[in-house]
């Protein structure tokens, strides 16, 4: 079996607060920096989702709202692709749009 690593490195300040997050995909050579990461992992033995949420002290509130909004919208796309549940994915997107409107990230309808 071929293996491919995706590596996240978190630089911490003296108080152990993330200052920088970098990542690299060894198989493709892609790499970059980020101010936030949300990683969801499925534990099939325990049938539960595990999460790693990290953000640097440089991540501002507006960008965090935008990051969560965009993550919700792409989660709906992933859900539809993985399950074929297009109607429920549509409802997820509708909630995402509601969130985006309430957070003043997108213009409200009407």
C-alpha atoms as a PDB file:
ATOM      1  CA  UNK A   1       0.000   0.000   0.000  1.00  0.00           C
ATOM      2  CA  UNK A   2       1.262   3.451  -0.925  1.00  0.00           C
ATOM      3  CA  UNK A   3       1.281   6.053   1.838  1.00  0.00           C
ATOM      4  CA  UNK A   4       1.147   9.817   1.609  1.00  0.00           C
ATOM      5  CA  UNK A   5       1.660  12.219   4.504  1.00  0.00           C
ATOM      6  CA  UNK A   6       0.016  15.562   5.109  1.00  0.00           C
ATOM      7  CA  UNK A   7       1.929  17.349   7.854  1.00  0.00           C
ATOM      8  CA  UNK A   8       0.730  20.257   9.997  1.00  0.00           C
ATOM      9  CA  UNK A   9       3.252  22.182  12.073  1.00  0.00           C
ATOM     10  CA  UNK A  10       2.062  24.563  14.773  1.00  0.00           C
ATOM     11  CA  UNK A  11       4.401  27.244  16.108  1.00  0.00           C
ATOM     12  CA  UNK A  12       3.519  28.263  19.665  1.00  0.00           C
ATOM     13  CA  UNK A  13       4.392  31.360  21.643  1.00  0.00           C
ATOM     14  CA  UNK A  14       5.721  31.262  25.222  1.00  0.00           C
ATOM     15  CA  UNK A  15       2.130  30.781  26.505  1.00  0.00           C
ATOM     16  CA  UNK A  16       1.518  27.837  24.141  1.00  0.00           C
ATOM     17  CA  UNK A  17      -0.862  29.873  21.966  1.00  0.00           C
ATOM     18  CA  UNK A  18      -0.572  29.138  18.222  1.00  0.00           C
ATOM     19  CA  UNK A  19       1.335  31.848  16.378  1.00  0.00           C
ATOM     20  CA  UNK A  20       1.728  30.085  13.058  1.00  0.00           C
ATOM     21  CA  UNK A  21       0.342  27.038  11.289  1.00  0.00           C
ATOM     22  CA  UNK A  22       2.055  25.556   8.256  1.00  0.00           C
ATOM     23  CA  UNK A  23       1.213  22.474   6.240  1.00  0.00           C
ATOM     24  CA  UNK A  24       2.717  20.384   3.493  1.00  0.00           C
ATOM     25  CA  UNK A  25       1.503  17.486   1.391  1.00  0.00           C
ATOM     26  CA  UNK A  26       4.551  15.325   0.795  1.00  0.00           C
ATOM     27  CA  UNK A  27       3.086  13.444  -2.178  1.00  0.00           C
ATOM     28  CA  UNK A  28       2.388  16.583  -4.246  1.00  0.00           C
ATOM     29  CA  UNK A  29       4.898  18.991  -2.751  1.00  0.00           C
ATOM     30  CA  UNK A  30       2.135  21.497  -2.008  1.00  0.00           C
ATOM     31  CA  UNK A  31       2.667  23.589   1.095  1.00  0.00           C
ATOM     32  CA  UNK A  32       1.419  26.734   2.717  1.00  0.00           C
ATOM     33  CA  UNK A  33       0.629  28.691   5.805  1.00  0.00           C
ATOM     34  CA  UNK A  34      -2.689  29.231   7.500  1.00  0.00           C
ATOM     35  CA  UNK A  35      -4.255  31.106  10.384  1.00  0.00           C
ATOM     36  CA  UNK A  36      -6.860  28.392  11.076  1.00  0.00           C
ATOM     37  CA  UNK A  37      -7.423  24.655  10.679  1.00  0.00           C
ATOM     38  CA  UNK A  38     -10.520  22.566  11.353  1.00  0.00           C
ATOM     39  CA  UNK A  39      -9.808  18.872  10.998  1.00  0.00           C
ATOM     40  CA  UNK A  40     -12.557  16.286  11.440  1.00  0.00           C
ATOM     41  CA  UNK A  41     -11.578  12.636  11.904  1.00  0.00           C
ATOM     42  CA  UNK A  42     -14.010   9.700  11.931  1.00  0.00           C
ATOM     43  CA  UNK A  43     -13.343   7.023  14.556  1.00  0.00           C
ATOM     44  CA  UNK A  44     -15.093   4.011  13.029  1.00  0.00           C
ATOM     45  CA  UNK A  45     -14.606   1.834  16.116  1.00  0.00           C
ATOM     46  CA  UNK A  46     -16.346   4.283  18.463  1.00  0.00           C
ATOM     47  CA  UNK A  47     -18.660   5.693  15.749  1.00  0.00           C
ATOM     48  CA  UNK A  48     -17.837   9.284  16.604  1.00  0.00           C
ATOM     49  CA  UNK A  49     -16.278  12.340  15.073  1.00  0.00           C
ATOM     50  CA  UNK A  50     -13.072  13.702  16.563  1.00  0.00           C
ATOM     51  CA  UNK A  51     -11.974  17.256  15.914  1.00  0.00           C
ATOM     52  CA  UNK A  52      -8.875  19.365  15.965  1.00  0.00           C
ATOM     53  CA  UNK A  53      -9.639  23.088  15.793  1.00  0.00           C
ATOM     54  CA  UNK A  54      -6.700  25.460  15.815  1.00  0.00           C
ATOM     55  CA  UNK A  55      -6.359  29.126  15.014  1.00  0.00           C
ATOM     56  CA  UNK A  56      -3.523  31.551  15.481  1.00  0.00           C
ATOM     57  CA  UNK A  57      -3.732  34.652  17.608  1.00  0.00           C
ATOM     58  CA  UNK A  58      -3.544  36.571  14.319  1.00  0.00           C
ATOM     59  CA  UNK A  59      -6.907  35.222  13.057  1.00  0.00           C
ATOM     60  CA  UNK A  60      -9.395  38.062  13.256  1.00  0.00           C
ATOM     61  CA  UNK A  61     -13.070  37.596  14.115  1.00  0.00           C
ATOM     62  CA  UNK A  62     -14.393  38.491  10.657  1.00  0.00           C
ATOM     63  CA  UNK A  63     -12.090  35.974   8.973  1.00  0.00           C
ATOM     64  CA  UNK A  64     -13.150  33.294  11.487  1.00  0.00           C
ATOM     65  CA  UNK A  65     -16.821  33.942  10.662  1.00  0.00           C
ATOM     66  CA  UNK A  66     -16.037  33.713   6.956  1.00  0.00           C
ATOM     67  CA  UNK A  67     -14.003  30.528   7.493  1.00  0.00           C
ATOM     68  CA  UNK A  68     -16.876  28.858   9.380  1.00  0.00           C
ATOM     69  CA  UNK A  69     -19.417  29.990   6.733  1.00  0.00           C
ATOM     70  CA  UNK A  70     -17.335  28.649   3.854  1.00  0.00           C
ATOM     71  CA  UNK A  71     -16.664  25.411   5.775  1.00  0.00           C
ATOM     72  CA  UNK A  72     -20.410  24.894   6.278  1.00  0.00           C
ATOM     73  CA  UNK A  73     -21.078  25.378   2.576  1.00  0.00           C
ATOM     74  CA  UNK A  74     -18.332  22.990   1.474  1.00  0.00           C
ATOM     75  CA  UNK A  75     -19.434  20.451   4.106  1.00  0.00           C
ATOM     76  CA  UNK A  76     -22.827  20.362   2.378  1.00  0.00           C
ATOM     77  CA  UNK A  77     -21.065  19.641  -0.932  1.00  0.00           C
ATOM     78  CA  UNK A  78     -19.020  16.843   0.654  1.00  0.00           C
ATOM     79  CA  UNK A  79     -22.135  15.394   2.278  1.00  0.00           C
ATOM     80  CA  UNK A  80     -23.984  15.319  -1.067  1.00  0.00           C
ATOM     81  CA  UNK A  81     -21.049  13.658  -2.869  1.00  0.00           C
ATOM     82  CA  UNK A  82     -20.566  11.051  -0.139  1.00  0.00           C
ATOM     83  CA  UNK A  83     -24.206  10.145   0.478  1.00  0.00           C
ATOM     84  CA  UNK A  84     -26.256  11.209  -2.529  1.00  0.00           C
ATOM     85  CA  UNK A  85     -28.581  13.014  -0.091  1.00  0.00           C
ATOM     86  CA  UNK A  86     -29.036  16.056  -2.313  1.00  0.00           C
ATOM     87  CA  UNK A  87     -32.185  17.334  -0.589  1.00  0.00           C
ATOM     88  CA  UNK A  88     -30.558  17.346   2.853  1.00  0.00           C
ATOM     89  CA  UNK A  89     -27.423  18.960   1.393  1.00  0.00           C
ATOM     90  CA  UNK A  90     -29.692  21.673  -0.018  1.00  0.00           C
ATOM     91  CA  UNK A  91     -31.107  22.257   3.480  1.00  0.00           C
ATOM     92  CA  UNK A  92     -27.574  22.451   4.875  1.00  0.00           C
ATOM     93  CA  UNK A  93     -26.718  25.091   2.267  1.00  0.00           C
ATOM     94  CA  UNK A  94     -29.880  27.032   3.111  1.00  0.00           C
ATOM     95  CA  UNK A  95     -28.860  27.100   6.778  1.00  0.00           C
ATOM     96  CA  UNK A  96     -25.358  28.149   5.702  1.00  0.00           C
ATOM     97  CA  UNK A  97     -26.843  31.046   3.734  1.00  0.00           C
ATOM     98  CA  UNK A  98     -28.939  32.021   6.778  1.00  0.00           C
ATOM     99  CA  UNK A  99     -25.765  31.983   8.903  1.00  0.00           C
ATOM    100  CA  UNK A 100     -23.939  34.072   6.280  1.00  0.00           C
ATOM    101  CA  UNK A 101     -26.725  36.640   6.245  1.00  0.00           C
ATOM    102  CA  UNK A 102     -26.916  36.859  10.072  1.00  0.00           C
ATOM    103  CA  UNK A 103     -23.141  37.313  10.279  1.00  0.00           C
ATOM    104  CA  UNK A 104     -23.245  40.036   7.579  1.00  0.00           C
ATOM    105  CA  UNK A 105     -21.042  37.948   5.305  1.00  0.00           C
ATOM    106  CA  UNK A 106     -23.500  37.974   2.421  1.00  0.00           C
ATOM    107  CA  UNK A 107     -26.364  40.276   1.452  1.00  0.00           C
ATOM    108  CA  UNK A 108     -29.792  39.392   2.776  1.00  0.00           C
ATOM    109  CA  UNK A 109     -32.518  38.505   0.300  1.00  0.00           C
ATOM    110  CA  UNK A 110     -35.343  40.995  -0.008  1.00  0.00           C
END
